C-alpha cells in the first residue's frame, strides 16, 4: 500500500521502496480519465535506482505522436528511445512505463502485462525489472497500480 511523505507517495514493491515524487504525481493527475471523452495517456518513468530504494523523479508524456483513444494507448517508440537517451545523459535511469485507465481502481489488462514484459526482455539493462504504473480515476494511492516486472515475466504488485 502506498503512503505519503512530504508530497510524495512511497510504495513497497518486491522489497524495493519506490518513492514517487510530486512532479510525476502532477503529470498523472493532469491526465486522469475522469470524463467519458478523455483518452488514455501515458509515458515513461525516470529517476534513480539504488538497490532497494528507487526514486521516480520524472514522468514523460503524452506526446502528440502517440496513438490515443478511450481504451488504448500506443506510444511513439522512437520518441521513447530518444527520451531514454536524454535522461540517461543526465544520469537518470529508465524505471518503467505509466498510462491511464478509465476505471476508479486500475488494474493491468493482458495487453499491458505483455507490453511491459516485452520491454523487460528486449531491453539492454542491469535493472532487476521495470515498473508498470497505471493511473485510474481515484486519487492516489487507491487510484494507482504499481507493479515490478522481471525478465521471468513475473509481476509483483505493491499492495
Protein backbone atom coordinates (compact mmCIF):
# COMPACT_ATOMS: atom_id res chain seq x y z
CA UNK A 1 0.00 0.00 0.00
CA UNK A 2 1.19 3.49 -0.68
CA UNK A 3 1.99 6.04 1.99
CA UNK A 4 2.74 9.72 1.73
CA UNK A 5 5.96 11.53 2.58
CA UNK A 6 6.08 15.31 2.01
CA UNK A 7 4.02 15.41 -1.21
CA UNK A 8 5.33 12.10 -2.48
CA UNK A 9 3.98 8.56 -2.39
CA UNK A 10 6.00 5.61 -1.14
CA UNK A 11 5.25 2.03 -2.19
CA UNK A 12 6.87 -1.27 -1.25
CA UNK A 13 7.21 -3.48 -4.33
CA UNK A 14 9.08 -6.78 -4.02
CA UNK A 15 11.26 -5.48 -1.17
CA UNK A 16 12.03 -2.31 -3.14
CA UNK A 17 10.90 1.03 -1.72
CA UNK A 18 9.59 3.10 -4.63
CA UNK A 19 9.17 6.82 -3.92
CA UNK A 20 7.08 8.68 -6.49
CA UNK A 21 7.81 12.40 -6.23
CA UNK A 22 5.37 15.28 -6.65
CA UNK A 23 6.33 16.04 -10.29
CA UNK A 24 5.24 12.65 -11.67
CA UNK A 25 2.14 12.70 -9.47
CA UNK A 26 1.15 16.04 -11.04
CA UNK A 27 1.62 14.56 -14.54
CA UNK A 28 -0.60 11.61 -13.59
CA UNK A 29 -3.28 13.89 -12.11
CA UNK A 30 -3.35 16.06 -15.24
CA UNK A 31 -4.21 13.05 -17.42
CA UNK A 32 -6.64 11.03 -15.29
CA UNK A 33 -9.61 9.89 -17.39
CA UNK A 34 -12.37 11.49 -15.33
CA UNK A 35 -14.72 12.20 -18.28
CA UNK A 36 -16.17 9.94 -20.97
CA UNK A 37 -14.37 11.84 -23.74
CA UNK A 38 -10.91 11.60 -22.10
CA UNK A 39 -8.44 9.42 -23.97
CA UNK A 40 -5.79 7.19 -22.42
CA UNK A 41 -2.45 8.89 -21.94
CA UNK A 42 0.94 7.61 -20.91
CA UNK A 43 4.67 7.91 -20.94
CA UNK A 44 7.81 6.78 -19.19
CA UNK A 45 9.18 6.91 -15.65
CA UNK A 46 12.70 8.12 -14.88
CA UNK A 47 14.73 8.58 -11.73
CA UNK A 48 17.30 6.81 -9.64
CA UNK A 49 17.51 3.13 -8.82
CA UNK A 50 19.83 2.33 -5.99
CA UNK A 51 19.48 -1.19 -4.67
CA UNK A 52 16.33 -1.42 -2.57
CA UNK A 53 15.39 2.28 -2.96
CA UNK A 54 14.08 3.75 -6.18
CA UNK A 55 13.00 7.35 -6.66
CA UNK A 56 10.70 8.29 -9.56
CA UNK A 57 11.58 11.93 -10.26
CA UNK A 58 10.21 12.41 -13.80
CA UNK A 59 7.24 11.20 -15.84
CA UNK A 60 7.14 11.98 -19.56
CA UNK A 61 4.23 12.06 -21.98
CA UNK A 62 1.84 12.02 -23.51
CA UNK A 63 3.18 13.07 -26.89
CA UNK A 64 1.26 14.29 -29.94
CA UNK A 65 2.60 11.35 -31.98
CA UNK A 66 1.21 8.75 -29.56
CA UNK A 67 -1.93 6.90 -30.66
CA UNK A 68 -4.66 7.50 -28.07
CA UNK A 69 -8.29 6.54 -27.70
CA UNK A 70 -10.56 5.89 -24.73
CA UNK A 71 -9.41 2.32 -24.12
CA UNK A 72 -5.96 2.17 -25.70
CA UNK A 73 -2.64 3.98 -25.70
CA UNK A 74 0.21 3.21 -28.12
CA UNK A 75 3.32 5.32 -27.55
CA UNK A 76 5.67 6.69 -30.17
CA UNK A 77 8.53 4.23 -29.53
CA UNK A 78 11.07 6.36 -31.41
CA UNK A 79 10.38 9.28 -29.10
CA UNK A 80 10.64 6.98 -26.10
CA UNK A 81 14.12 5.83 -27.16
CA UNK A 82 15.21 9.46 -27.53
CA UNK A 83 13.84 10.22 -24.04
CA UNK A 84 15.75 7.29 -22.56
CA UNK A 85 18.99 8.54 -24.14
CA UNK A 86 18.39 12.13 -22.97
CA UNK A 87 17.58 11.17 -19.37
CA UNK A 88 20.47 8.69 -19.26
CA UNK A 89 22.80 11.54 -20.31
CA UNK A 90 21.54 13.38 -17.20
CA UNK A 91 22.40 10.40 -15.01
CA UNK A 92 18.82 9.16 -14.65
CA UNK A 93 17.56 5.61 -15.15
CA UNK A 94 14.57 4.45 -17.15
CA UNK A 95 12.39 2.87 -14.44
CA UNK A 96 9.28 1.85 -16.38
CA UNK A 97 6.09 3.00 -18.07
CA UNK A 98 2.86 4.64 -16.97
CA UNK A 99 -0.55 5.08 -18.58
CA UNK A 100 -4.13 5.81 -17.62
CA UNK A 101 -7.23 3.63 -17.44
CA UNK A 102 -10.86 4.79 -17.31
CA UNK A 103 -11.54 2.89 -14.08
CA UNK A 104 -11.55 4.04 -10.46
CA UNK A 105 -9.07 1.49 -9.10
CA UNK A 106 -6.96 0.41 -12.08
CA UNK A 107 -5.53 -2.99 -12.89
CA UNK A 108 -3.48 -4.10 -15.89
CA UNK A 109 -5.00 -5.71 -18.94
CA UNK A 110 -3.37 -8.76 -20.56
CA UNK A 111 -2.06 -6.36 -23.25
CA UNK A 112 -0.48 -4.14 -20.54
CA UNK A 113 1.27 -7.13 -18.98
CA UNK A 114 2.52 -8.43 -22.32
CA UNK A 115 3.85 -4.98 -23.24
CA UNK A 116 5.88 -4.41 -20.05
CA UNK A 117 7.19 -7.98 -20.09
CA UNK A 118 8.31 -7.49 -23.70
CA UNK A 119 10.11 -4.28 -22.70
CA UNK A 120 11.92 -6.09 -19.88
CA UNK A 121 13.00 -8.95 -22.18
CA UNK A 122 14.10 -6.79 -25.12
CA UNK A 123 15.90 -4.03 -23.20
CA UNK A 124 19.63 -3.97 -22.56
CA UNK A 125 19.76 -3.13 -18.85
CA UNK A 126 21.10 -4.18 -15.47
CA UNK A 127 17.88 -3.45 -13.57
CA UNK A 128 16.03 -6.14 -11.62
CA UNK A 129 12.98 -5.23 -13.70
CA UNK A 130 10.78 -2.31 -14.71
CA UNK A 131 7.77 -0.64 -13.13
CA UNK A 132 4.29 -0.59 -14.58
CA UNK A 133 2.19 2.28 -13.25
CA UNK A 134 -1.48 2.60 -14.17
CA UNK A 135 -3.36 5.75 -13.24
CA UNK A 136 -7.06 5.37 -12.51
CA UNK A 137 -9.81 7.88 -11.77
CA UNK A 138 -9.50 7.71 -7.97
CA UNK A 139 -6.96 9.82 -6.14
CA UNK A 140 -3.67 8.11 -5.24
CA UNK A 141 -2.81 5.79 -3.66
CA UNK A 142 -6.05 3.85 -4.41
CA UNK A 143 -6.10 5.20 -7.95
CA UNK A 144 -2.59 3.94 -8.75
CA UNK A 145 -1.48 0.47 -9.75
CA UNK A 146 2.25 -0.08 -9.31
CA UNK A 147 4.00 -3.35 -10.06
CA UNK A 148 7.53 -4.53 -10.79
CA UNK A 149 8.09 -6.84 -13.75
CA UNK A 150 11.16 -9.01 -14.05
CA UNK A 151 12.61 -10.83 -17.05
CA UNK A 152 10.89 -14.00 -15.90
CA UNK A 153 7.55 -12.38 -16.70
CA UNK A 154 6.67 -12.27 -13.02
CA UNK A 155 4.92 -9.11 -11.88
CA UNK A 156 4.91 -8.16 -8.20
CA UNK A 157 2.37 -5.61 -7.03
CA UNK A 158 2.74 -3.01 -4.31
CA UNK A 159 -0.42 -3.87 -2.36
